[in-house]
Protein backbone atom coordinates (compact mmCIF):
# COMPACT_ATOMS: atom_id res chain seq x y z
CA UNK A 1 114.26 107.32 131.41
CA UNK A 2 113.65 107.22 127.70
CA UNK A 3 109.77 107.85 126.71
CA UNK A 4 108.42 108.00 123.22
CA UNK A 5 106.32 110.98 122.92
CA UNK A 6 105.43 113.44 120.09
CA UNK A 7 106.78 116.59 121.46
CA UNK A 8 108.39 118.27 124.38
CA UNK A 9 105.03 119.14 125.97
CA UNK A 10 103.98 115.46 126.04
CA UNK A 11 107.27 114.84 127.63
CA UNK A 12 106.71 117.46 130.27
CA UNK A 13 103.14 115.99 130.99
CA UNK A 14 104.49 112.66 131.31
CA UNK A 15 107.16 113.91 133.87
CA UNK A 16 104.70 115.96 135.80
CA UNK A 17 102.61 112.91 136.15
CA UNK A 18 105.24 110.51 136.87
CA UNK A 19 104.90 108.87 140.42
CA UNK A 20 108.59 108.95 141.06
CA UNK A 21 109.02 112.68 140.07
CA UNK A 22 105.81 113.49 142.28
CA UNK A 23 107.28 111.88 145.03
CA UNK A 24 110.59 113.97 144.69
CA UNK A 25 112.60 111.21 143.88
CA UNK A 26 114.36 112.91 141.26
CA UNK A 27 116.51 115.77 141.95
CA UNK A 28 116.89 117.10 138.32
CA UNK A 29 114.83 116.15 135.03
CA UNK A 30 116.04 117.27 131.74
CA UNK A 31 114.19 116.66 128.54
CA UNK A 32 116.05 116.03 125.59
CA UNK A 33 115.23 115.22 122.13
CA UNK A 34 116.69 111.51 121.16
CA UNK A 35 116.84 110.42 117.41
CA UNK A 36 117.72 107.05 116.93
CA UNK A 37 119.67 106.73 113.78
CA UNK A 38 120.61 103.61 111.58
CA UNK A 39 124.03 102.69 110.73
CA UNK A 40 125.09 104.00 107.31
CA UNK A 41 125.26 100.99 105.23
CA UNK A 42 126.19 102.77 101.98
CA UNK A 43 128.40 105.81 102.47
CA UNK A 44 126.37 109.16 102.11
CA UNK A 45 123.04 107.69 102.33
CA UNK A 46 122.12 109.33 105.63
CA UNK A 47 124.04 112.43 104.63
CA UNK A 48 120.79 114.25 103.78
CA UNK A 49 119.26 113.40 107.14
CA UNK A 50 122.26 114.48 109.03
CA UNK A 51 122.41 117.95 107.31
CA UNK A 52 118.56 117.84 108.07
CA UNK A 53 119.18 117.41 111.69
CA UNK A 54 121.94 120.16 111.82
CA UNK A 55 119.58 122.63 110.22
CA UNK A 56 116.84 121.82 112.88
CA UNK A 57 119.39 122.23 115.58
CA UNK A 58 120.55 125.67 114.46
CA UNK A 59 116.84 126.64 114.07
CA UNK A 60 116.29 125.59 117.73
CA UNK A 61 119.30 127.28 118.90
CA UNK A 62 118.21 130.60 117.17
CA UNK A 63 114.84 130.61 118.56
CA UNK A 64 116.29 130.00 122.21
CA UNK A 65 118.42 133.16 121.54
CA UNK A 66 115.21 135.12 120.63
CA UNK A 67 113.20 134.08 123.39
């Protein structure tokens, strides 16, 4: 299931209130961020966005190690 929410907390709230989840239909629920990227028309144009995404992922992984 793909939902458009602002953050992980909203995703969790959605899942907790979703009727099939409440009924126990799903054995496992994972919340993952999904970023839709447009195809790169001119080589290098999306490079800064990709670098930013890598840095955000690195920061997230560091936070997970700290907790």
